[in-house]
Structure formats: C-alpha cells, structure tokens
Amino acid sequence: MTTVEVLLAIAVACGFWAAVSAVLIARALEAGGIRTPFPFWGLLIFRNLQSYSRMTRAKTGRIGPLFYSYVVPINAALVLVLIALVVGQLAR
C-alpha cells in the first residue's frame, strides 16, 4: 500500500467513527426528548451537536463524550484527506 492509500484508509475509518458517533448522539437526544428523523441525520448534525452539548452540560456540568467522539475524528478525516492530496501531488 502506498502512503496515500494508508492515509485515505485511516480517513475512511475516522469518517465511520464520526458517523457512528452521530447516530449515538441522535439516540441520546431522542432519549432526552429531541427527535431527529432518520433521513435528516446528516443535515441536522450541527443542531444535534449543539443540543447534545447543551443537554449534557445541563445534566452534568460538562459536555458529553460523544461530542468529542464526533468532532475529533471528523476533523482528523479532513486533515488526513488534505495530507493525502498533498502527498499524492508531490509523488507525481
């Protein structure tokens, strides 16, 4: 495997991790009374992140772990894809 392929594979894994976290956030919000229709999970992720942050901060005084479980891997995926693009261009 080339470096670009490894970076993209890790980025896909990060994207999968973020998607699972988004589903778990929607599930936690539904338990708290905020419903998100299934087809709109992707469109309402920012609303869900904000609602989850508010809900967990009100309950515990801190932001819940699922918030960071989404934000960190989705940003890591973005950075990894950008690095893969740069490495791919340099290899040409």
PDB file of N, CA and C in Angstrom:
ATOM      1  N   MET A   1       0.829  -1.183   0.000  1.00  0.00           N
ATOM      2  CA  MET A   1       0.000   0.000   0.000  1.00  0.00           C
ATOM      3  C   MET A   1       0.876   1.251   0.000  1.00  0.00           C
ATOM      4  N   THR A   2       0.445   2.227  -0.734  1.00  0.00           N
ATOM      5  CA  THR A   2       1.177   3.481  -0.766  1.00  0.00           C
ATOM      6  C   THR A   2       0.768   4.352   0.417  1.00  0.00           C
ATOM      7  N   THR A   3       1.513   5.401   0.634  1.00  0.00           N
ATOM      8  CA  THR A   3       1.224   6.326   1.721  1.00  0.00           C
ATOM      9  C   THR A   3      -0.150   6.959   1.552  1.00  0.00           C
ATOM     10  N   VAL A   4      -0.483   7.315   0.334  1.00  0.00           N
ATOM     11  CA  VAL A   4      -1.789   7.931   0.065  1.00  0.00           C
ATOM     12  C   VAL A   4      -2.912   6.966   0.411  1.00  0.00           C
ATOM     13  N   GLU A   5      -2.760   5.710   0.041  1.00  0.00           N
ATOM     14  CA  GLU A   5      -3.792   4.720   0.339  1.00  0.00           C
ATOM     15  C   GLU A   5      -3.959   4.520   1.842  1.00  0.00           C
ATOM     16  N   VAL A   6      -2.855   4.515   2.565  1.00  0.00           N
ATOM     17  CA  VAL A   6      -2.923   4.359   4.021  1.00  0.00           C
ATOM     18  C   VAL A   6      -3.632   5.555   4.647  1.00  0.00           C
ATOM     19  N   LEU A   7      -3.265   6.756   4.217  1.00  0.00           N
ATOM     20  CA  LEU A   7      -3.909   7.960   4.747  1.00  0.00           C
ATOM     21  C   LEU A   7      -5.402   7.969   4.462  1.00  0.00           C
ATOM     22  N   LEU A   8      -5.776   7.577   3.251  1.00  0.00           N
ATOM     23  CA  LEU A   8      -7.199   7.550   2.902  1.00  0.00           C
ATOM     24  C   LEU A   8      -7.947   6.460   3.669  1.00  0.00           C
ATOM     25  N   ALA A   9      -7.298   5.334   3.920  1.00  0.00           N
ATOM     26  CA  ALA A   9      -7.936   4.272   4.699  1.00  0.00           C
ATOM     27  C   ALA A   9      -8.190   4.732   6.135  1.00  0.00           C
ATOM     28  N   ILE A  10      -7.222   5.427   6.703  1.00  0.00           N
ATOM     29  CA  ILE A  10      -7.400   5.956   8.060  1.00  0.00           C
ATOM     30  C   ILE A  10      -8.491   7.021   8.067  1.00  0.00           C
ATOM     31  N   ALA A  11      -8.549   7.846   7.025  1.00  0.00           N
ATOM     32  CA  ALA A  11      -9.586   8.874   6.919  1.00  0.00           C
ATOM     33  C   ALA A  11     -10.975   8.234   6.835  1.00  0.00           C
ATOM     34  N   VAL A  12     -11.093   7.147   6.097  1.00  0.00           N
ATOM     35  CA  VAL A  12     -12.384   6.443   6.000  1.00  0.00           C
ATOM     36  C   VAL A  12     -12.767   5.877   7.362  1.00  0.00           C
ATOM     37  N   ALA A  13     -11.807   5.315   8.077  1.00  0.00           N
ATOM     38  CA  ALA A  13     -12.086   4.802   9.419  1.00  0.00           C
ATOM     39  C   ALA A  13     -12.553   5.918  10.354  1.00  0.00           C
ATOM     40  N   CYS A  14     -11.914   7.082  10.255  1.00  0.00           N
ATOM     41  CA  CYS A  14     -12.332   8.237  11.053  1.00  0.00           C
ATOM     42  C   CYS A  14     -13.741   8.681  10.683  1.00  0.00           C
ATOM     43  N   GLY A  15     -14.053   8.669   9.396  1.00  0.00           N
ATOM     44  CA  GLY A  15     -15.391   9.024   8.952  1.00  0.00           C
ATOM     45  C   GLY A  15     -16.441   8.056   9.474  1.00  0.00           C
ATOM     46  N   PHE A  16     -16.104   6.778   9.487  1.00  0.00           N
ATOM     47  CA  PHE A  16     -17.022   5.770  10.026  1.00  0.00           C
ATOM     48  C   PHE A  16     -17.233   5.999  11.512  1.00  0.00           C
ATOM     49  N   TRP A  17     -16.161   6.271  12.239  1.00  0.00           N
ATOM     50  CA  TRP A  17     -16.234   6.544  13.671  1.00  0.00           C
ATOM     51  C   TRP A  17     -17.142   7.756  13.931  1.00  0.00           C
ATOM     52  N   ALA A  18     -16.994   8.804  13.142  1.00  0.00           N
ATOM     53  CA  ALA A  18     -17.816  10.003  13.298  1.00  0.00           C
ATOM     54  C   ALA A  18     -19.280   9.700  12.991  1.00  0.00           C
ATOM     55  N   ALA A  19     -19.534   8.869  11.977  1.00  0.00           N
ATOM     56  CA  ALA A  19     -20.913   8.516  11.638  1.00  0.00           C
ATOM     57  C   ALA A  19     -21.574   7.734  12.768  1.00  0.00           C
ATOM     58  N   VAL A  20     -20.839   6.813  13.358  1.00  0.00           N
ATOM     59  CA  VAL A  20     -21.383   6.055  14.491  1.00  0.00           C
ATOM     60  C   VAL A  20     -21.654   6.991  15.660  1.00  0.00           C
ATOM     61  N   SER A  21     -20.758   7.924  15.899  1.00  0.00           N
ATOM     62  CA  SER A  21     -20.962   8.896  16.976  1.00  0.00           C
ATOM     63  C   SER A  21     -22.187   9.765  16.711  1.00  0.00           C
ATOM     64  N   ALA A  22     -22.410  10.142  15.463  1.00  0.00           N
ATOM     65  CA  ALA A  22     -23.587  10.948  15.117  1.00  0.00           C
ATOM     66  C   ALA A  22     -24.874  10.174  15.401  1.00  0.00           C
ATOM     67  N   VAL A  23     -24.867   8.892  15.100  1.00  0.00           N
ATOM     68  CA  VAL A  23     -26.045   8.058  15.378  1.00  0.00           C
ATOM     69  C   VAL A  23     -26.260   7.955  16.886  1.00  0.00           C
ATOM     70  N   LEU A  24     -25.194   7.773  17.636  1.00  0.00           N
ATOM     71  CA  LEU A  24     -25.323   7.673  19.086  1.00  0.00           C
ATOM     72  C   LEU A  24     -25.786   8.999  19.702  1.00  0.00           C
ATOM     73  N   ILE A  25     -25.354  10.108  19.140  1.00  0.00           N
ATOM     74  CA  ILE A  25     -25.821  11.415  19.609  1.00  0.00           C
ATOM     75  C   ILE A  25     -27.309  11.560  19.348  1.00  0.00           C
ATOM     76  N   ALA A  26     -27.752  11.185  18.147  1.00  0.00           N
ATOM     77  CA  ALA A  26     -29.183  11.263  17.830  1.00  0.00           C
ATOM     78  C   ALA A  26     -29.990  10.374  18.769  1.00  0.00           C
ATOM     79  N   ARG A  27     -29.450   9.214  19.085  1.00  0.00           N
ATOM     80  CA  ARG A  27     -30.131   8.298  20.002  1.00  0.00           C
ATOM     81  C   ARG A  27     -30.205   8.882  21.414  1.00  0.00           C
ATOM     82  N   ALA A  28     -29.126   9.505  21.872  1.00  0.00           N
ATOM     83  CA  ALA A  28     -29.122  10.130  23.195  1.00  0.00           C
ATOM     84  C   ALA A  28     -30.104  11.294  23.249  1.00  0.00           C
ATOM     85  N   LEU A  29     -30.178  12.049  22.173  1.00  0.00           N
ATOM     86  CA  LEU A  29     -31.129  13.165  22.133  1.00  0.00           C
ATOM     87  C   LEU A  29     -32.569  12.668  22.118  1.00  0.00           C
ATOM     88  N   GLU A  30     -32.805  11.568  21.422  1.00  0.00           N
ATOM     89  CA  GLU A  30     -34.156  11.009  21.392  1.00  0.00           C
ATOM     90  C   GLU A  30     -34.578  10.566  22.787  1.00  0.00           C
ATOM     91  N   ALA A  31     -33.646  10.013  23.551  1.00  0.00           N
ATOM     92  CA  ALA A  31     -33.946   9.637  24.936  1.00  0.00           C
ATOM     93  C   ALA A  31     -34.234  10.878  25.778  1.00  0.00           C
ATOM     94  N   GLY A  32     -33.654  12.008  25.391  1.00  0.00           N
ATOM     95  CA  GLY A  32     -33.884  13.265  26.088  1.00  0.00           C
ATOM     96  C   GLY A  32     -35.071  14.054  25.567  1.00  0.00           C
ATOM     97  N   GLY A  33     -35.771  13.515  24.560  1.00  0.00           N
ATOM     98  CA  GLY A  33     -36.978  14.163  24.060  1.00  0.00           C
ATOM     99  C   GLY A  33     -36.810  14.958  22.779  1.00  0.00           C
ATOM    100  N   ILE A  34     -35.625  14.962  22.190  1.00  0.00           N
ATOM    101  CA  ILE A  34     -35.397  15.682  20.935  1.00  0.00           C
ATOM    102  C   ILE A  34     -35.284  14.651  19.824  1.00  0.00           C
ATOM    103  N   ARG A  35     -36.246  14.646  18.923  1.00  0.00           N
ATOM    104  CA  ARG A  35     -36.304  13.635  17.876  1.00  0.00           C
ATOM    105  C   ARG A  35     -35.639  14.153  16.597  1.00  0.00           C
ATOM    106  N   THR A  36     -34.892  13.289  15.937  1.00  0.00           N
ATOM    107  CA  THR A  36     -34.283  13.590  14.646  1.00  0.00           C
ATOM    108  C   THR A  36     -34.744  12.527  13.656  1.00  0.00           C
ATOM    109  N   PRO A  37     -35.511  12.898  12.627  1.00  0.00           N
ATOM    110  CA  PRO A  37     -35.934  11.908  11.632  1.00  0.00           C
ATOM    111  C   PRO A  37     -34.716  11.293  10.931  1.00  0.00           C
ATOM    112  N   PHE A  38     -34.784   9.992  10.685  1.00  0.00           N
ATOM    113  CA  PHE A  38     -33.656   9.255  10.110  1.00  0.00           C
ATOM    114  C   PHE A  38     -33.091   9.879   8.836  1.00  0.00           C
ATOM    115  N   PRO A  39     -33.914  10.277   7.848  1.00  0.00           N
ATOM    116  CA  PRO A  39     -33.319  10.798   6.609  1.00  0.00           C
ATOM    117  C   PRO A  39     -32.557  12.120   6.791  1.00  0.00           C
ATOM    118  N   PHE A  40     -32.758  12.789   7.919  1.00  0.00           N
ATOM    119  CA  PHE A  40     -32.163  14.110   8.114  1.00  0.00           C
ATOM    120  C   PHE A  40     -31.008  14.124   9.110  1.00  0.00           C
ATOM    121  N   TRP A  41     -30.486  12.954   9.500  1.00  0.00           N
ATOM    122  CA  TRP A  41     -29.392  12.913  10.464  1.00  0.00           C
ATOM    123  C   TRP A  41     -28.183  13.678   9.963  1.00  0.00           C
ATOM    124  N   GLY A  42     -27.852  13.533   8.708  1.00  0.00           N
ATOM    125  CA  GLY A  42     -26.700  14.242   8.154  1.00  0.00           C
ATOM    126  C   GLY A  42     -26.909  15.745   8.092  1.00  0.00           C
ATOM    127  N   LEU A  43     -28.120  16.151   7.761  1.00  0.00           N
ATOM    128  CA  LEU A  43     -28.413  17.584   7.651  1.00  0.00           C
ATOM    129  C   LEU A  43     -28.502  18.266   9.011  1.00  0.00           C
ATOM    130  N   LEU A  44     -28.928  17.522  10.018  1.00  0.00           N
ATOM    131  CA  LEU A  44     -29.159  18.118  11.334  1.00  0.00           C
ATOM    132  C   LEU A  44     -28.049  17.818  12.334  1.00  0.00           C
ATOM    133  N   ILE A  45     -26.891  17.394  11.863  1.00  0.00           N
ATOM    134  CA  ILE A  45     -25.820  17.034  12.785  1.00  0.00           C
ATOM    135  C   ILE A  45     -25.361  18.225  13.614  1.00  0.00           C
ATOM    136  N   PHE A  46     -25.305  19.411  13.031  1.00  0.00           N
ATOM    137  CA  PHE A  46     -24.855  20.577  13.804  1.00  0.00           C
ATOM    138  C   PHE A  46     -25.882  20.950  14.866  1.00  0.00           C
ATOM    139  N   ARG A  47     -27.163  20.835  14.530  1.00  0.00           N
ATOM    140  CA  ARG A  47     -28.200  21.062  15.526  1.00  0.00           C
ATOM    141  C   ARG A  47     -28.100  20.027  16.638  1.00  0.00           C
ATOM    142  N   ASN A  48     -27.867  18.783  16.243  1.00  0.00           N
ATOM    143  CA  ASN A  48     -27.757  17.718  17.234  1.00  0.00           C
ATOM    144  C   ASN A  48     -26.537  17.908  18.138  1.00  0.00           C
ATOM    145  N   LEU A  49     -25.419  18.325  17.560  1.00  0.00           N
ATOM    146  CA  LEU A  49     -24.226  18.572  18.369  1.00  0.00           C
ATOM    147  C   LEU A  49     -24.475  19.673  19.392  1.00  0.00           C
ATOM    148  N   GLN A  50     -25.124  20.722  18.953  1.00  0.00           N
ATOM    149  CA  GLN A  50     -25.423  21.830  19.857  1.00  0.00           C
ATOM    150  C   GLN A  50     -26.414  21.401  20.936  1.00  0.00           C
ATOM    151  N   SER A  51     -27.444  20.673  20.549  1.00  0.00           N
ATOM    152  CA  SER A  51     -28.430  20.208  21.524  1.00  0.00           C
ATOM    153  C   SER A  51     -27.815  19.225  22.513  1.00  0.00           C
ATOM    154  N   TYR A  52     -26.982  18.326  22.013  1.00  0.00           N
ATOM    155  CA  TYR A  52     -26.323  17.355  22.885  1.00  0.00           C
ATOM    156  C   TYR A  52     -25.399  18.072  23.865  1.00  0.00           C
ATOM    157  N   SER A  53     -24.667  19.047  23.366  1.00  0.00           N
ATOM    158  CA  SER A  53     -23.773  19.813  24.218  1.00  0.00           C
ATOM    159  C   SER A  53     -24.554  20.514  25.329  1.00  0.00           C
ATOM    160  N   ARG A  54     -25.641  21.169  24.966  1.00  0.00           N
ATOM    161  CA  ARG A  54     -26.480  21.857  25.947  1.00  0.00           C
ATOM    162  C   ARG A  54     -27.083  20.881  26.954  1.00  0.00           C
ATOM    163  N   MET A  55     -27.609  19.754  26.448  1.00  0.00           N
ATOM    164  CA  MET A  55     -28.280  18.783  27.301  1.00  0.00           C
ATOM    165  C   MET A  55     -27.306  18.170  28.314  1.00  0.00           C
ATOM    166  N   THR A  56     -26.142  17.765  27.856  1.00  0.00           N
ATOM    167  CA  THR A  56     -25.187  17.135  28.771  1.00  0.00           C
ATOM    168  C   THR A  56     -24.582  18.148  29.741  1.00  0.00           C
ATOM    169  N   ARG A  57     -24.402  19.366  29.279  1.00  0.00           N
ATOM    170  CA  ARG A  57     -23.871  20.399  30.179  1.00  0.00           C
ATOM    171  C   ARG A  57     -24.871  20.734  31.272  1.00  0.00           C
ATOM    172  N   ALA A  58     -26.161  20.721  30.939  1.00  0.00           N
ATOM    173  CA  ALA A  58     -27.189  20.986  31.947  1.00  0.00           C
ATOM    174  C   ALA A  58     -27.267  19.851  32.967  1.00  0.00           C
ATOM    175  N   LYS A  59     -27.066  18.615  32.511  1.00  0.00           N
ATOM    176  CA  LYS A  59     -27.154  17.460  33.417  1.00  0.00           C
ATOM    177  C   LYS A  59     -25.922  17.301  34.294  1.00  0.00           C
ATOM    178  N   THR A  60     -24.734  17.414  33.689  1.00  0.00           N
ATOM    179  CA  THR A  60     -23.509  17.068  34.406  1.00  0.00           C
ATOM    180  C   THR A  60     -22.568  18.243  34.634  1.00  0.00           C
ATOM    181  N   GLY A  61     -22.806  19.353  33.966  1.00  0.00           N
ATOM    182  CA  GLY A  61     -21.898  20.485  34.066  1.00  0.00           C
ATOM    183  C   GLY A  61     -20.751  20.427  33.069  1.00  0.00           C
ATOM    184  N   ARG A  62     -20.690  19.340  32.291  1.00  0.00           N
ATOM    185  CA  ARG A  62     -19.638  19.165  31.286  1.00  0.00           C
ATOM    186  C   ARG A  62     -20.274  18.699  29.982  1.00  0.00           C
ATOM    187  N   ILE A  63     -19.546  18.911  28.892  1.00  0.00           N
ATOM    188  CA  ILE A  63     -20.009  18.423  27.598  1.00  0.00           C
ATOM    189  C   ILE A  63     -19.783  16.922  27.555  1.00  0.00           C
ATOM    190  N   GLY A  64     -20.765  16.189  27.022  1.00  0.00           N
ATOM    191  CA  GLY A  64     -20.685  14.735  26.976  1.00  0.00           C
ATOM    192  C   GLY A  64     -19.601  14.222  26.044  1.00  0.00           C
ATOM    193  N   PRO A  65     -19.163  12.992  26.264  1.00  0.00           N
ATOM    194  CA  PRO A  65     -18.052  12.442  25.488  1.00  0.00           C
ATOM    195  C   PRO A  65     -18.380  12.204  24.014  1.00  0.00           C
ATOM    196  N   LEU A  66     -19.638  12.011  23.672  1.00  0.00           N
ATOM    197  CA  LEU A  66     -19.990  11.782  22.273  1.00  0.00           C
ATOM    198  C   LEU A  66     -19.729  13.017  21.407  1.00  0.00           C
ATOM    199  N   PHE A  67     -19.789  14.184  22.007  1.00  0.00           N
ATOM    200  CA  PHE A  67     -19.496  15.418  21.271  1.00  0.00           C
ATOM    201  C   PHE A  67     -18.074  15.353  20.717  1.00  0.00           C
ATOM    202  N   TYR A  68     -17.125  15.037  21.592  1.00  0.00           N
ATOM    203  CA  TYR A  68     -15.729  14.952  21.164  1.00  0.00           C
ATOM    204  C   TYR A  68     -15.482  13.722  20.305  1.00  0.00           C
ATOM    205  N   SER A  69     -16.277  12.681  20.525  1.00  0.00           N
ATOM    206  CA  SER A  69     -16.153  11.471  19.727  1.00  0.00           C
ATOM    207  C   SER A  69     -16.591  11.717  18.285  1.00  0.00           C
ATOM    208  N   TYR A  70     -17.328  12.775  18.035  1.00  0.00           N
ATOM    209  CA  TYR A  70     -17.684  13.154  16.663  1.00  0.00           C
ATOM    210  C   TYR A  70     -16.697  14.183  16.112  1.00  0.00           C
ATOM    211  N   VAL A  71     -16.437  15.214  16.884  1.00  0.00           N
ATOM    212  CA  VAL A  71     -15.651  16.351  16.401  1.00  0.00           C
ATOM    213  C   VAL A  71     -14.203  15.957  16.076  1.00  0.00           C
ATOM    214  N   VAL A  72     -13.569  15.192  16.936  1.00  0.00           N
ATOM    215  CA  VAL A  72     -12.163  14.841  16.723  1.00  0.00           C
ATOM    216  C   VAL A  72     -11.978  13.986  15.458  1.00  0.00           C
ATOM    217  N   PRO A  73     -12.714  12.873  15.282  1.00  0.00           N
ATOM    218  CA  PRO A  73     -12.457  12.065  14.083  1.00  0.00           C
ATOM    219  C   PRO A  73     -12.893  12.726  12.774  1.00  0.00           C
ATOM    220  N   ILE A  74     -13.931  13.556  12.799  1.00  0.00           N
ATOM    221  CA  ILE A  74     -14.354  14.184  11.539  1.00  0.00           C
ATOM    222  C   ILE A  74     -13.297  15.202  11.108  1.00  0.00           C
ATOM    223  N   ASN A  75     -12.704  15.900  12.068  1.00  0.00           N
ATOM    224  CA  ASN A  75     -11.621  16.831  11.728  1.00  0.00           C
ATOM    225  C   ASN A  75     -10.351  16.088  11.335  1.00  0.00           C
ATOM    226  N   ALA A  76     -10.092  14.965  11.990  1.00  0.00           N
ATOM    227  CA  ALA A  76      -8.931  14.149  11.619  1.00  0.00           C
ATOM    228  C   ALA A  76      -9.086  13.628  10.193  1.00  0.00           C
ATOM    229  N   ALA A  77     -10.298  13.212   9.824  1.00  0.00           N
ATOM    230  CA  ALA A  77     -10.538  12.730   8.463  1.00  0.00           C
ATOM    231  C   ALA A  77     -10.267  13.838   7.448  1.00  0.00           C
ATOM    232  N   LEU A  78     -10.718  15.033   7.743  1.00  0.00           N
ATOM    233  CA  LEU A  78     -10.474  16.171   6.855  1.00  0.00           C
ATOM    234  C   LEU A  78      -8.979  16.422   6.681  1.00  0.00           C
ATOM    235  N   VAL A  79      -8.262  16.457   7.772  1.00  0.00           N
ATOM    236  CA  VAL A  79      -6.819  16.710   7.708  1.00  0.00           C
ATOM    237  C   VAL A  79      -6.098  15.588   6.960  1.00  0.00           C
ATOM    238  N   LEU A  80      -6.482  14.350   7.220  1.00  0.00           N
ATOM    239  CA  LEU A  80      -5.833  13.217   6.550  1.00  0.00           C
ATOM    240  C   LEU A  80      -6.067  13.237   5.043  1.00  0.00           C
ATOM    241  N   VAL A  81      -7.268  13.591   4.627  1.00  0.00           N
ATOM    242  CA  VAL A  81      -7.548  13.672   3.188  1.00  0.00           C
ATOM    243  C   VAL A  81      -6.728  14.791   2.553  1.00  0.00           C
ATOM    244  N   LEU A  82      -6.629  15.920   3.233  1.00  0.00           N
ATOM    245  CA  LEU A  82      -5.818  17.016   2.695  1.00  0.00           C
ATOM    246  C   LEU A  82      -4.344  16.619   2.596  1.00  0.00           C
ATOM    247  N   ILE A  83      -3.835  15.930   3.614  1.00  0.00           N
ATOM    248  CA  ILE A  83      -2.451  15.457   3.566  1.00  0.00           C
ATOM    249  C   ILE A  83      -2.265  14.456   2.427  1.00  0.00           C
ATOM    250  N   ALA A  84      -3.242  13.559   2.251  1.00  0.00           N
ATOM    251  CA  ALA A  84      -3.166  12.580   1.162  1.00  0.00           C
ATOM    252  C   ALA A  84      -3.138  13.273  -0.195  1.00  0.00           C
ATOM    253  N   LEU A  85      -3.917  14.335  -0.347  1.00  0.00           N
ATOM    254  CA  LEU A  85      -3.901  15.085  -1.599  1.00  0.00           C
ATOM    255  C   LEU A  85      -2.540  15.723  -1.864  1.00  0.00           C
ATOM    256  N   VAL A  86      -1.965  16.311  -0.827  1.00  0.00           N
ATOM    257  CA  VAL A  86      -0.654  16.942  -0.967  1.00  0.00           C
ATOM    258  C   VAL A  86       0.411  15.894  -1.270  1.00  0.00           C
ATOM    259  N   VAL A  87       0.406  14.798  -0.542  1.00  0.00           N
ATOM    260  CA  VAL A  87       1.394  13.734  -0.779  1.00  0.00           C
ATOM    261  C   VAL A  87       1.225  13.150  -2.175  1.00  0.00           C
ATOM    262  N   GLY A  88      -0.015  12.982  -2.583  1.00  0.00           N
ATOM    263  CA  GLY A  88      -0.274  12.462  -3.932  1.00  0.00           C
ATOM    264  C   GLY A  88       0.233  13.396  -5.029  1.00  0.00           C
ATOM    265  N   GLN A  89       0.098  14.692  -4.819  1.00  0.00           N
ATOM    266  CA  GLN A  89       0.588  15.648  -5.806  1.00  0.00           C
ATOM    267  C   GLN A  89       2.122  15.700  -5.823  1.00  0.00           C
ATOM    268  N   LEU A  90       2.723  15.563  -4.648  1.00  0.00           N
ATOM    269  CA  LEU A  90       4.190  15.596  -4.573  1.00  0.00           C
ATOM    270  C   LEU A  90       4.808  14.351  -5.191  1.00  0.00           C
ATOM    271  N   ALA A  91       4.080  13.250  -5.169  1.00  0.00           N
ATOM    272  CA  ALA A  91       4.613  11.985  -5.694  1.00  0.00           C
ATOM    273  C   ALA A  91       4.604  11.945  -7.213  1.00  0.00           C
ATOM    274  N   ARG A  92       3.877  12.817  -7.842  1.00  0.00           N
ATOM    275  CA  ARG A  92       3.788  12.821  -9.310  1.00  0.00           C
ATOM    276  C   ARG A  92       5.029  13.294  -9.962  1.00  0.00           C
TER     277      ARG A  92
END
